[in-house]
Amino acid sequence: MLQGNGRCYSASTDGSAINTLLSIYDATAECEGLSCLRERLYYNETLHWKSTAGIDYYILVADLSAEFGQYRLIVSVRHDVWTLL
């Protein structure tokens, strides 16, 4: 879990040995569940999002292949300024 602070973040599965589904979810006080913010079905994908202060974010990495394998998850703060569509 990552608690939002208004900064921009990146999450990546670059370097994973398997094809991954990378998803970012947020949990707001108004909802009873999780809302998917971004989702990618590609190998070594990177997702970007701007966090909201006080909101909890969850990152899901799932294996898309029928075999088991290792994955790598890298989460970093973006220091440059950009606009999310």
PDB file of N, CA and C in Angstrom:
ATOM      1  N   MET A   1       0.833  -1.164   0.000  1.00  0.00           N
ATOM      2  CA  MET A   1       0.000   0.000   0.000  1.00  0.00           C
ATOM      3  C   MET A   1       0.887   1.239   0.000  1.00  0.00           C
ATOM      4  N   LEU A   2       0.469   2.221  -0.759  1.00  0.00           N
ATOM      5  CA  LEU A   2       1.172   3.492  -0.836  1.00  0.00           C
ATOM      6  C   LEU A   2       0.155   4.581  -0.528  1.00  0.00           C
ATOM      7  N   GLN A   3       0.463   5.458   0.423  1.00  0.00           N
ATOM      8  CA  GLN A   3      -0.474   6.530   0.731  1.00  0.00           C
ATOM      9  C   GLN A   3      -0.132   7.757  -0.096  1.00  0.00           C
ATOM     10  N   GLY A   4      -1.139   8.287  -0.778  1.00  0.00           N
ATOM     11  CA  GLY A   4      -0.949   9.438  -1.647  1.00  0.00           C
ATOM     12  C   GLY A   4      -0.532  10.684  -0.890  1.00  0.00           C
ATOM     13  N   ASN A   5       0.271  11.510  -1.576  1.00  0.00           N
ATOM     14  CA  ASN A   5       0.747  12.750  -0.986  1.00  0.00           C
ATOM     15  C   ASN A   5       0.736  13.893  -2.009  1.00  0.00           C
ATOM     16  N   GLY A   6       0.034  13.685  -3.139  1.00  0.00           N
ATOM     17  CA  GLY A   6      -0.034  14.700  -4.175  1.00  0.00           C
ATOM     18  C   GLY A   6       1.079  14.627  -5.203  1.00  0.00           C
ATOM     19  N   ARG A   7       2.016  13.717  -5.027  1.00  0.00           N
ATOM     20  CA  ARG A   7       3.128  13.579  -5.962  1.00  0.00           C
ATOM     21  C   ARG A   7       2.777  12.610  -7.085  1.00  0.00           C
ATOM     22  N   CYS A   8       3.556  12.663  -8.153  1.00  0.00           N
ATOM     23  CA  CYS A   8       3.387  11.761  -9.290  1.00  0.00           C
ATOM     24  C   CYS A   8       4.270  10.530  -9.090  1.00  0.00           C
ATOM     25  N   TYR A   9       3.723   9.353  -9.406  1.00  0.00           N
ATOM     26  CA  TYR A   9       4.429   8.091  -9.217  1.00  0.00           C
ATOM     27  C   TYR A   9       4.480   7.286 -10.514  1.00  0.00           C
ATOM     28  N   SER A  10       5.450   6.391 -10.569  1.00  0.00           N
ATOM     29  CA  SER A  10       5.566   5.409 -11.647  1.00  0.00           C
ATOM     30  C   SER A  10       5.687   4.038 -11.009  1.00  0.00           C
ATOM     31  N   ALA A  11       5.041   3.047 -11.622  1.00  0.00           N
ATOM     32  CA  ALA A  11       5.181   1.650 -11.211  1.00  0.00           C
ATOM     33  C   ALA A  11       5.529   0.856 -12.463  1.00  0.00           C
ATOM     34  N   SER A  12       6.518  -0.022 -12.352  1.00  0.00           N
ATOM     35  CA  SER A  12       6.987  -0.757 -13.511  1.00  0.00           C
ATOM     36  C   SER A  12       7.285  -2.213 -13.152  1.00  0.00           C
ATOM     37  N   THR A  13       7.043  -3.102 -14.119  1.00  0.00           N
ATOM     38  CA  THR A  13       7.445  -4.503 -13.981  1.00  0.00           C
ATOM     39  C   THR A  13       8.619  -4.802 -14.917  1.00  0.00           C
ATOM     40  N   ASP A  14       9.336  -3.766 -15.321  1.00  0.00           N
ATOM     41  CA  ASP A  14      10.501  -3.921 -16.190  1.00  0.00           C
ATOM     42  C   ASP A  14      11.513  -4.872 -15.547  1.00  0.00           C
ATOM     43  N   GLY A  15      11.987  -5.838 -16.308  1.00  0.00           N
ATOM     44  CA  GLY A  15      12.933  -6.811 -15.796  1.00  0.00           C
ATOM     45  C   GLY A  15      12.297  -8.090 -15.295  1.00  0.00           C
ATOM     46  N   SER A  16      10.960  -8.177 -15.367  1.00  0.00           N
ATOM     47  CA  SER A  16      10.276  -9.402 -14.933  1.00  0.00           C
ATOM     48  C   SER A  16      10.506 -10.528 -15.928  1.00  0.00           C
ATOM     49  N   ALA A  17      10.516 -11.742 -15.418  1.00  0.00           N
ATOM     50  CA  ALA A  17      10.721 -12.919 -16.260  1.00  0.00           C
ATOM     51  C   ALA A  17       9.415 -13.425 -16.869  1.00  0.00           C
ATOM     52  N   ILE A  18       8.286 -12.816 -16.500  1.00  0.00           N
ATOM     53  CA  ILE A  18       6.978 -13.270 -16.964  1.00  0.00           C
ATOM     54  C   ILE A  18       6.201 -12.098 -17.555  1.00  0.00           C
ATOM     55  N   ASN A  19       5.172 -12.406 -18.348  1.00  0.00           N
ATOM     56  CA  ASN A  19       4.236 -11.386 -18.811  1.00  0.00           C
ATOM     57  C   ASN A  19       3.311 -11.036 -17.651  1.00  0.00           C
ATOM     58  N   THR A  20       3.103  -9.751 -17.436  1.00  0.00           N
ATOM     59  CA  THR A  20       2.359  -9.338 -16.249  1.00  0.00           C
ATOM     60  C   THR A  20       1.150  -8.478 -16.595  1.00  0.00           C
ATOM     61  N   LEU A  21       0.196  -8.501 -15.695  1.00  0.00           N
ATOM     62  CA  LEU A  21      -0.902  -7.545 -15.669  1.00  0.00           C
ATOM     63  C   LEU A  21      -0.580  -6.624 -14.501  1.00  0.00           C
ATOM     64  N   LEU A  22      -0.347  -5.359 -14.785  1.00  0.00           N
ATOM     65  CA  LEU A  22      -0.013  -4.376 -13.757  1.00  0.00           C
ATOM     66  C   LEU A  22      -1.206  -3.447 -13.596  1.00  0.00           C
ATOM     67  N   SER A  23      -1.747  -3.359 -12.384  1.00  0.00           N
ATOM     68  CA  SER A  23      -2.931  -2.536 -12.113  1.00  0.00           C
ATOM     69  C   SER A  23      -2.692  -1.662 -10.895  1.00  0.00           C
ATOM     70  N   ILE A  24      -3.210  -0.437 -10.949  1.00  0.00           N
ATOM     71  CA  ILE A  24      -3.144   0.491  -9.824  1.00  0.00           C
ATOM     72  C   ILE A  24      -4.571   0.758  -9.371  1.00  0.00           C
ATOM     73  N   TYR A  25      -4.838   0.566  -8.082  1.00  0.00           N
ATOM     74  CA  TYR A  25      -6.167   0.784  -7.514  1.00  0.00           C
ATOM     75  C   TYR A  25      -6.093   1.852  -6.440  1.00  0.00           C
ATOM     76  N   ASP A  26      -7.182   2.597  -6.269  1.00  0.00           N
ATOM     77  CA  ASP A  26      -7.262   3.523  -5.142  1.00  0.00           C
ATOM     78  C   ASP A  26      -8.476   3.187  -4.299  1.00  0.00           C
ATOM     79  N   ALA A  27      -8.390   3.558  -3.032  1.00  0.00           N
ATOM     80  CA  ALA A  27      -9.494   3.339  -2.098  1.00  0.00           C
ATOM     81  C   ALA A  27      -9.838   4.681  -1.486  1.00  0.00           C
ATOM     82  N   THR A  28     -11.021   5.184  -1.800  1.00  0.00           N
ATOM     83  CA  THR A  28     -11.453   6.459  -1.237  1.00  0.00           C
ATOM     84  C   THR A  28     -12.421   6.205  -0.091  1.00  0.00           C
ATOM     85  N   ALA A  29     -12.569   7.185   0.747  1.00  0.00           N
ATOM     86  CA  ALA A  29     -13.468   7.048   1.893  1.00  0.00           C
ATOM     87  C   ALA A  29     -14.921   6.882   1.452  1.00  0.00           C
ATOM     88  N   GLU A  30     -15.252   7.401   0.267  1.00  0.00           N
ATOM     89  CA  GLU A  30     -16.629   7.349  -0.210  1.00  0.00           C
ATOM     90  C   GLU A  30     -17.024   5.979  -0.778  1.00  0.00           C
ATOM     91  N   CYS A  31     -16.041   5.174  -1.138  1.00  0.00           N
ATOM     92  CA  CYS A  31     -16.386   3.890  -1.774  1.00  0.00           C
ATOM     93  C   CYS A  31     -16.133   2.732  -0.828  1.00  0.00           C
ATOM     94  N   GLU A  32     -16.813   1.653  -1.067  1.00  0.00           N
ATOM     95  CA  GLU A  32     -16.661   0.475  -0.223  1.00  0.00           C
ATOM     96  C   GLU A  32     -15.656  -0.505  -0.795  1.00  0.00           C
ATOM     97  N   GLY A  33     -15.170  -0.245  -1.996  1.00  0.00           N
ATOM     98  CA  GLY A  33     -14.218  -1.151  -2.626  1.00  0.00           C
ATOM     99  C   GLY A  33     -13.081  -0.369  -3.247  1.00  0.00           C
ATOM    100  N   LEU A  34     -12.424  -0.988  -4.201  1.00  0.00           N
ATOM    101  CA  LEU A  34     -11.296  -0.377  -4.883  1.00  0.00           C
ATOM    102  C   LEU A  34     -11.701   0.030  -6.291  1.00  0.00           C
ATOM    103  N   SER A  35     -11.160   1.127  -6.758  1.00  0.00           N
ATOM    104  CA  SER A  35     -11.389   1.590  -8.128  1.00  0.00           C
ATOM    105  C   SER A  35     -10.090   1.446  -8.906  1.00  0.00           C
ATOM    106  N   CYS A  36     -10.163   0.862 -10.097  1.00  0.00           N
ATOM    107  CA  CYS A  36      -8.966   0.690 -10.906  1.00  0.00           C
ATOM    108  C   CYS A  36      -8.652   2.005 -11.620  1.00  0.00           C
ATOM    109  N   LEU A  37      -7.474   2.548 -11.362  1.00  0.00           N
ATOM    110  CA  LEU A  37      -7.048   3.789 -12.009  1.00  0.00           C
ATOM    111  C   LEU A  37      -6.407   3.519 -13.358  1.00  0.00           C
ATOM    112  N   ARG A  38      -5.503   2.558 -13.398  1.00  0.00           N
ATOM    113  CA  ARG A  38      -4.759   2.235 -14.616  1.00  0.00           C
ATOM    114  C   ARG A  38      -4.513   0.727 -14.641  1.00  0.00           C
ATOM    115  N   GLU A  39      -4.464   0.183 -15.850  1.00  0.00           N
ATOM    116  CA  GLU A  39      -4.219  -1.252 -15.989  1.00  0.00           C
ATOM    117  C   GLU A  39      -3.522  -1.507 -17.318  1.00  0.00           C
ATOM    118  N   ARG A  40      -2.512  -2.361 -17.310  1.00  0.00           N
ATOM    119  CA  ARG A  40      -1.778  -2.698 -18.528  1.00  0.00           C
ATOM    120  C   ARG A  40      -1.541  -4.200 -18.579  1.00  0.00           C
ATOM    121  N   LEU A  41      -1.657  -4.754 -19.787  1.00  0.00           N
ATOM    122  CA  LEU A  41      -1.512  -6.194 -19.998  1.00  0.00           C
ATOM    123  C   LEU A  41      -0.211  -6.544 -20.713  1.00  0.00           C
ATOM    124  N   TYR A  42       0.740  -5.665 -20.698  1.00  0.00           N
ATOM    125  CA  TYR A  42       1.934  -5.867 -21.496  1.00  0.00           C
ATOM    126  C   TYR A  42       3.140  -6.265 -20.663  1.00  0.00           C
ATOM    127  N   TYR A  43       4.096  -6.866 -21.343  1.00  0.00           N
ATOM    128  CA  TYR A  43       5.344  -7.263 -20.724  1.00  0.00           C
ATOM    129  C   TYR A  43       6.190  -6.025 -20.455  1.00  0.00           C
ATOM    130  N   ASN A  44       6.734  -5.922 -19.261  1.00  0.00           N
ATOM    131  CA  ASN A  44       7.607  -4.814 -18.870  1.00  0.00           C
ATOM    132  C   ASN A  44       6.939  -3.451 -19.048  1.00  0.00           C
ATOM    133  N   GLU A  45       5.760  -3.322 -18.550  1.00  0.00           N
ATOM    134  CA  GLU A  45       4.987  -2.089 -18.697  1.00  0.00           C
ATOM    135  C   GLU A  45       5.259  -1.135 -17.538  1.00  0.00           C
ATOM    136  N   THR A  46       5.120   0.165 -17.803  1.00  0.00           N
ATOM    137  CA  THR A  46       5.229   1.198 -16.773  1.00  0.00           C
ATOM    138  C   THR A  46       3.932   1.995 -16.745  1.00  0.00           C
ATOM    139  N   LEU A  47       3.398   2.199 -15.543  1.00  0.00           N
ATOM    140  CA  LEU A  47       2.202   3.006 -15.355  1.00  0.00           C
ATOM    141  C   LEU A  47       2.573   4.260 -14.577  1.00  0.00           C
ATOM    142  N   HIS A  48       1.906   5.366 -14.884  1.00  0.00           N
ATOM    143  CA  HIS A  48       2.135   6.629 -14.196  1.00  0.00           C
ATOM    144  C   HIS A  48       0.807   7.129 -13.648  1.00  0.00           C
ATOM    145  N   TRP A  49       0.849   7.740 -12.470  1.00  0.00           N
ATOM    146  CA  TRP A  49      -0.357   8.362 -11.932  1.00  0.00           C
ATOM    147  C   TRP A  49       0.016   9.454 -10.941  1.00  0.00           C
ATOM    148  N   LYS A  50      -0.912  10.408 -10.796  1.00  0.00           N
ATOM    149  CA  LYS A  50      -0.747  11.475  -9.813  1.00  0.00           C
ATOM    150  C   LYS A  50      -1.581  11.104  -8.595  1.00  0.00           C
ATOM    151  N   SER A  51      -0.929  11.023  -7.458  1.00  0.00           N
ATOM    152  CA  SER A  51      -1.628  10.633  -6.241  1.00  0.00           C
ATOM    153  C   SER A  51      -2.395  11.811  -5.648  1.00  0.00           C
ATOM    154  N   THR A  52      -3.365  11.467  -4.835  1.00  0.00           N
ATOM    155  CA  THR A  52      -4.133  12.451  -4.082  1.00  0.00           C
ATOM    156  C   THR A  52      -3.782  12.265  -2.611  1.00  0.00           C
ATOM    157  N   ALA A  53      -3.477  13.353  -1.936  1.00  0.00           N
ATOM    158  CA  ALA A  53      -3.080  13.281  -0.525  1.00  0.00           C
ATOM    159  C   ALA A  53      -4.134  12.559   0.308  1.00  0.00           C
ATOM    160  N   GLY A  54      -3.676  11.609   1.128  1.00  0.00           N
ATOM    161  CA  GLY A  54      -4.557  10.880   2.035  1.00  0.00           C
ATOM    162  C   GLY A  54      -5.261   9.673   1.441  1.00  0.00           C
ATOM    163  N   ILE A  55      -5.131   9.446   0.144  1.00  0.00           N
ATOM    164  CA  ILE A  55      -5.769   8.290  -0.505  1.00  0.00           C
ATOM    165  C   ILE A  55      -4.775   7.132  -0.547  1.00  0.00           C
ATOM    166  N   ASP A  56      -5.249   5.926  -0.220  1.00  0.00           N
ATOM    167  CA  ASP A  56      -4.404   4.731  -0.268  1.00  0.00           C
ATOM    168  C   ASP A  56      -4.440   4.133  -1.673  1.00  0.00           C
ATOM    169  N   TYR A  57      -3.271   3.733  -2.166  1.00  0.00           N
ATOM    170  CA  TYR A  57      -3.136   3.121  -3.493  1.00  0.00           C
ATOM    171  C   TYR A  57      -2.577   1.711  -3.332  1.00  0.00           C
ATOM    172  N   TYR A  58      -3.113   0.800  -4.135  1.00  0.00           N
ATOM    173  CA  TYR A  58      -2.688  -0.596  -4.116  1.00  0.00           C
ATOM    174  C   TYR A  58      -2.229  -0.985  -5.511  1.00  0.00           C
ATOM    175  N   ILE A  59      -1.142  -1.740  -5.581  1.00  0.00           N
ATOM    176  CA  ILE A  59      -0.581  -2.171  -6.858  1.00  0.00           C
ATOM    177  C   ILE A  59      -0.720  -3.680  -6.954  1.00  0.00           C
ATOM    178  N   LEU A  60      -1.333  -4.142  -8.039  1.00  0.00           N
ATOM    179  CA  LEU A  60      -1.520  -5.568  -8.275  1.00  0.00           C
ATOM    180  C   LEU A  60      -0.647  -5.989  -9.446  1.00  0.00           C
ATOM    181  N   VAL A  61       0.152  -7.022  -9.234  1.00  0.00           N
ATOM    182  CA  VAL A  61       0.930  -7.635 -10.311  1.00  0.00           C
ATOM    183  C   VAL A  61       0.436  -9.066 -10.446  1.00  0.00           C
ATOM    184  N   ALA A  62      -0.064  -9.403 -11.631  1.00  0.00           N
ATOM    185  CA  ALA A  62      -0.578 -10.750 -11.877  1.00  0.00           C
ATOM    186  C   ALA A  62       0.177 -11.385 -13.039  1.00  0.00           C
ATOM    187  N   ASP A  63       0.344 -12.692 -12.992  1.00  0.00           N
ATOM    188  CA  ASP A  63       1.005 -13.464 -14.042  1.00  0.00           C
ATOM    189  C   ASP A  63      -0.006 -13.773 -15.140  1.00  0.00           C
ATOM    190  N   LEU A  64       0.317 -13.424 -16.380  1.00  0.00           N
ATOM    191  CA  LEU A  64      -0.589 -13.685 -17.500  1.00  0.00           C
ATOM    192  C   LEU A  64      -0.325 -15.010 -18.197  1.00  0.00           C
ATOM    193  N   SER A  65       0.737 -15.684 -17.814  1.00  0.00           N
ATOM    194  CA  SER A  65       1.066 -16.961 -18.456  1.00  0.00           C
ATOM    195  C   SER A  65       0.567 -18.115 -17.598  1.00  0.00           C
ATOM    196  N   ALA A  66       0.584 -19.294 -18.159  1.00  0.00           N
ATOM    197  CA  ALA A  66       0.148 -20.492 -17.438  1.00  0.00           C
ATOM    198  C   ALA A  66       1.250 -21.021 -16.524  1.00  0.00           C
ATOM    199  N   GLU A  67       2.435 -20.462 -16.628  1.00  0.00           N
ATOM    200  CA  GLU A  67       3.557 -20.910 -15.814  1.00  0.00           C
ATOM    201  C   GLU A  67       3.843 -19.906 -14.704  1.00  0.00           C
ATOM    202  N   PHE A  68       4.501 -20.383 -13.661  1.00  0.00           N
ATOM    203  CA  PHE A  68       4.904 -19.504 -12.576  1.00  0.00           C
ATOM    204  C   PHE A  68       6.250 -18.885 -12.911  1.00  0.00           C
ATOM    205  N   GLY A  69       6.523 -17.744 -12.348  1.00  0.00           N
ATOM    206  CA  GLY A  69       7.801 -17.095 -12.569  1.00  0.00           C
ATOM    207  C   GLY A  69       7.970 -15.913 -11.643  1.00  0.00           C
ATOM    208  N   GLN A  70       9.138 -15.334 -11.703  1.00  0.00           N
ATOM    209  CA  GLN A  70       9.434 -14.188 -10.852  1.00  0.00           C
ATOM    210  C   GLN A  70       9.065 -12.893 -11.560  1.00  0.00           C
ATOM    211  N   TYR A  71       8.626 -11.942 -10.772  1.00  0.00           N
ATOM    212  CA  TYR A  71       8.375 -10.610 -11.319  1.00  0.00           C
ATOM    213  C   TYR A  71       9.167  -9.592 -10.507  1.00  0.00           C
ATOM    214  N   ARG A  72       9.328  -8.447 -11.094  1.00  0.00           N
ATOM    215  CA  ARG A  72      10.040  -7.350 -10.460  1.00  0.00           C
ATOM    216  C   ARG A  72       9.107  -6.134 -10.479  1.00  0.00           C
ATOM    217  N   LEU A  73       8.920  -5.509  -9.335  1.00  0.00           N
ATOM    218  CA  LEU A  73       8.079  -4.326  -9.242  1.00  0.00           C
ATOM    219  C   LEU A  73       8.930  -3.161  -8.747  1.00  0.00           C
ATOM    220  N   ILE A  74       8.932  -2.081  -9.523  1.00  0.00           N
ATOM    221  CA  ILE A  74       9.682  -0.881  -9.163  1.00  0.00           C
ATOM    222  C   ILE A  74       8.681   0.269  -9.054  1.00  0.00           C
ATOM    223  N   VAL A  75       8.633   0.924  -7.903  1.00  0.00           N
ATOM    224  CA  VAL A  75       7.766   2.082  -7.704  1.00  0.00           C
ATOM    225  C   VAL A  75       8.663   3.268  -7.397  1.00  0.00           C
ATOM    226  N   SER A  76       8.459   4.358  -8.120  1.00  0.00           N
ATOM    227  CA  SER A  76       9.315   5.527  -7.916  1.00  0.00           C
ATOM    228  C   SER A  76       8.505   6.808  -7.986  1.00  0.00           C
ATOM    229  N   VAL A  77       9.045   7.844  -7.358  1.00  0.00           N
ATOM    230  CA  VAL A  77       8.440   9.177  -7.381  1.00  0.00           C
ATOM    231  C   VAL A  77       8.970   9.908  -8.602  1.00  0.00           C
ATOM    232  N   ARG A  78       8.057  10.546  -9.316  1.00  0.00           N
ATOM    233  CA  ARG A  78       8.446  11.354 -10.476  1.00  0.00           C
ATOM    234  C   ARG A  78       8.736  12.763  -9.986  1.00  0.00           C
ATOM    235  N   HIS A  79       9.900  13.279 -10.313  1.00  0.00           N
ATOM    236  CA  HIS A  79      10.263  14.620  -9.889  1.00  0.00           C
ATOM    237  C   HIS A  79       9.984  15.666 -10.946  1.00  0.00           C
ATOM    238  N   ASP A  80       9.770  15.230 -12.183  1.00  0.00           N
ATOM    239  CA  ASP A  80       9.414  16.177 -13.224  1.00  0.00           C
ATOM    240  C   ASP A  80       7.900  16.411 -13.201  1.00  0.00           C
ATOM    241  N   VAL A  81       7.449  17.451 -13.807  1.00  0.00           N
ATOM    242  CA  VAL A  81       6.027  17.803 -13.803  1.00  0.00           C
ATOM    243  C   VAL A  81       5.424  17.407 -15.153  1.00  0.00           C
ATOM    244  N   TRP A  82       4.303  16.681 -15.127  1.00  0.00           N
ATOM    245  CA  TRP A  82       3.610  16.289 -16.344  1.00  0.00           C
ATOM    246  C   TRP A  82       2.137  16.152 -16.047  1.00  0.00           C
ATOM    247  N   THR A  83       1.344  16.163 -17.064  1.00  0.00           N
ATOM    248  CA  THR A  83      -0.106  16.090 -16.931  1.00  0.00           C
ATOM    249  C   THR A  83      -0.594  14.716 -17.343  1.00  0.00           C
ATOM    250  N   LEU A  84      -1.425  14.100 -16.529  1.00  0.00           N
ATOM    251  CA  LEU A  84      -2.029  12.810 -16.872  1.00  0.00           C
ATOM    252  C   LEU A  84      -3.327  13.061 -17.607  1.00  0.00           C
ATOM    253  N   LEU A  85      -3.566  12.274 -18.635  1.00  0.00           N
ATOM    254  CA  LEU A  85      -4.824  12.394 -19.387  1.00  0.00           C
ATOM    255  C   LEU A  85      -5.854  11.473 -18.798  1.00  0.00           C
TER     256      LEU A  85
END
